Amino acid sequence: MNDNSPTLVSLNDAAKMTSLSRTMVNRYRSEGRFPSAIPLGDRRVAFVRSEVINWIQARIDAARSSRVAA
């Protein structure tokens, strides 16, 4: 595997990374508020790890900037 290859994480792992439930991850996905899933099979999806990390960082940045502005 190439060092630049994207790493995929399961729905369970994405939920653990974000401290969200699987239900909330799926709700955010359906609302377009979470990175898109990569379909792997009929009932299996995964997420690009770096996209989930970027989503987490964006949430942190937004929370901190709104706290500074307040």
C-alpha atoms as a PDB file:
ATOM      1  CA  MET A   1       0.000   0.000   0.000  1.00  0.00           C
ATOM      2  CA  ASN A   2       1.271   3.436  -0.942  1.00  0.00           C
ATOM      3  CA  ASP A   3       1.791   5.898   1.927  1.00  0.00           C
ATOM      4  CA  ASN A   4      -0.481   8.357   0.083  1.00  0.00           C
ATOM      5  CA  SER A   5      -3.310   5.844  -0.252  1.00  0.00           C
ATOM      6  CA  PRO A   6      -6.493   6.824   1.541  1.00  0.00           C
ATOM      7  CA  THR A   7      -7.361   4.780   4.596  1.00  0.00           C
ATOM      8  CA  LEU A   8     -10.952   3.708   5.025  1.00  0.00           C
ATOM      9  CA  VAL A   9     -12.691   3.440   8.376  1.00  0.00           C
ATOM     10  CA  SER A  10     -15.939   1.681   9.177  1.00  0.00           C
ATOM     11  CA  LEU A  11     -19.121   3.367  10.319  1.00  0.00           C
ATOM     12  CA  ASN A  12     -18.390   2.121  13.839  1.00  0.00           C
ATOM     13  CA  ASP A  13     -14.886   3.610  13.732  1.00  0.00           C
ATOM     14  CA  ALA A  14     -16.168   6.926  12.368  1.00  0.00           C
ATOM     15  CA  ALA A  15     -18.700   7.026  15.202  1.00  0.00           C
ATOM     16  CA  LYS A  16     -15.962   6.338  17.760  1.00  0.00           C
ATOM     17  CA  MET A  17     -13.656   8.958  16.226  1.00  0.00           C
ATOM     18  CA  THR A  18     -16.354  11.629  16.447  1.00  0.00           C
ATOM     19  CA  SER A  19     -17.979  10.503  19.721  1.00  0.00           C
ATOM     20  CA  LEU A  20     -21.287  10.374  17.847  1.00  0.00           C
ATOM     21  CA  SER A  21     -23.671   7.444  17.704  1.00  0.00           C
ATOM     22  CA  ARG A  22     -24.036   5.509  14.461  1.00  0.00           C
ATOM     23  CA  THR A  23     -27.546   6.981  14.218  1.00  0.00           C
ATOM     24  CA  MET A  24     -26.227  10.549  14.399  1.00  0.00           C
ATOM     25  CA  VAL A  25     -23.486   9.834  11.852  1.00  0.00           C
ATOM     26  CA  ASN A  26     -26.135   8.467   9.492  1.00  0.00           C
ATOM     27  CA  ARG A  27     -28.430  11.425  10.164  1.00  0.00           C
ATOM     28  CA  TYR A  28     -25.606  13.896   9.464  1.00  0.00           C
ATOM     29  CA  ARG A  29     -24.754  11.948   6.288  1.00  0.00           C
ATOM     30  CA  SER A  30     -28.354  12.151   5.055  1.00  0.00           C
ATOM     31  CA  GLU A  31     -28.369  15.903   5.763  1.00  0.00           C
ATOM     32  CA  GLY A  32     -25.063  16.416   3.930  1.00  0.00           C
ATOM     33  CA  ARG A  33     -23.340  17.452   7.167  1.00  0.00           C
ATOM     34  CA  PHE A  34     -20.804  14.597   7.280  1.00  0.00           C
ATOM     35  CA  PRO A  35     -18.296  13.242   4.754  1.00  0.00           C
ATOM     36  CA  SER A  36     -19.771  10.979   2.112  1.00  0.00           C
ATOM     37  CA  ALA A  37     -19.578   7.250   2.628  1.00  0.00           C
ATOM     38  CA  ILE A  38     -17.886   4.899   0.187  1.00  0.00           C
ATOM     39  CA  PRO A  39     -20.145   1.925  -0.583  1.00  0.00           C
ATOM     40  CA  LEU A  40     -18.238  -1.349  -0.176  1.00  0.00           C
ATOM     41  CA  GLY A  41     -21.079  -3.813  -0.588  1.00  0.00           C
ATOM     42  CA  ASP A  42     -24.821  -4.182  -0.284  1.00  0.00           C
ATOM     43  CA  ARG A  43     -24.903  -3.244   3.398  1.00  0.00           C
ATOM     44  CA  ARG A  44     -21.394  -2.012   4.080  1.00  0.00           C
ATOM     45  CA  VAL A  45     -19.958   1.494   3.844  1.00  0.00           C
ATOM     46  CA  ALA A  46     -16.720   3.102   4.906  1.00  0.00           C
ATOM     47  CA  PHE A  47     -15.363   6.624   5.208  1.00  0.00           C
ATOM     48  CA  VAL A  48     -12.071   8.152   4.153  1.00  0.00           C
ATOM     49  CA  ARG A  49     -10.226   8.571   7.453  1.00  0.00           C
ATOM     50  CA  SER A  50      -8.651  11.914   6.498  1.00  0.00           C
ATOM     51  CA  GLU A  51     -12.084  13.337   5.596  1.00  0.00           C
ATOM     52  CA  VAL A  52     -13.462  12.347   9.007  1.00  0.00           C
ATOM     53  CA  ILE A  53     -10.420  13.904  10.703  1.00  0.00           C
ATOM     54  CA  ASN A  54     -10.897  17.108   8.679  1.00  0.00           C
ATOM     55  CA  TRP A  55     -14.589  17.164   9.675  1.00  0.00           C
ATOM     56  CA  ILE A  56     -13.627  16.841  13.347  1.00  0.00           C
ATOM     57  CA  GLN A  57     -11.054  19.633  13.018  1.00  0.00           C
ATOM     58  CA  ALA A  58     -13.586  21.896  11.303  1.00  0.00           C
ATOM     59  CA  ARG A  59     -16.005  21.347  14.214  1.00  0.00           C
ATOM     60  CA  ILE A  60     -13.253  22.201  16.698  1.00  0.00           C
ATOM     61  CA  ASP A  61     -12.268  25.316  14.743  1.00  0.00           C
ATOM     62  CA  ALA A  62     -15.897  26.499  14.472  1.00  0.00           C
ATOM     63  CA  ALA A  63     -16.482  26.006  18.191  1.00  0.00           C
ATOM     64  CA  ARG A  64     -13.354  27.888  19.127  1.00  0.00           C
ATOM     65  CA  SER A  65     -13.950  30.773  16.721  1.00  0.00           C
ATOM     66  CA  SER A  66     -17.539  31.238  17.928  1.00  0.00           C
ATOM     67  CA  ARG A  67     -16.327  31.276  21.522  1.00  0.00           C
ATOM     68  CA  VAL A  68     -13.753  33.998  20.677  1.00  0.00           C
ATOM     69  CA  ALA A  69     -16.403  36.050  18.833  1.00  0.00           C
ATOM     70  CA  ALA A  70     -18.848  35.863  21.731  1.00  0.00           C
END
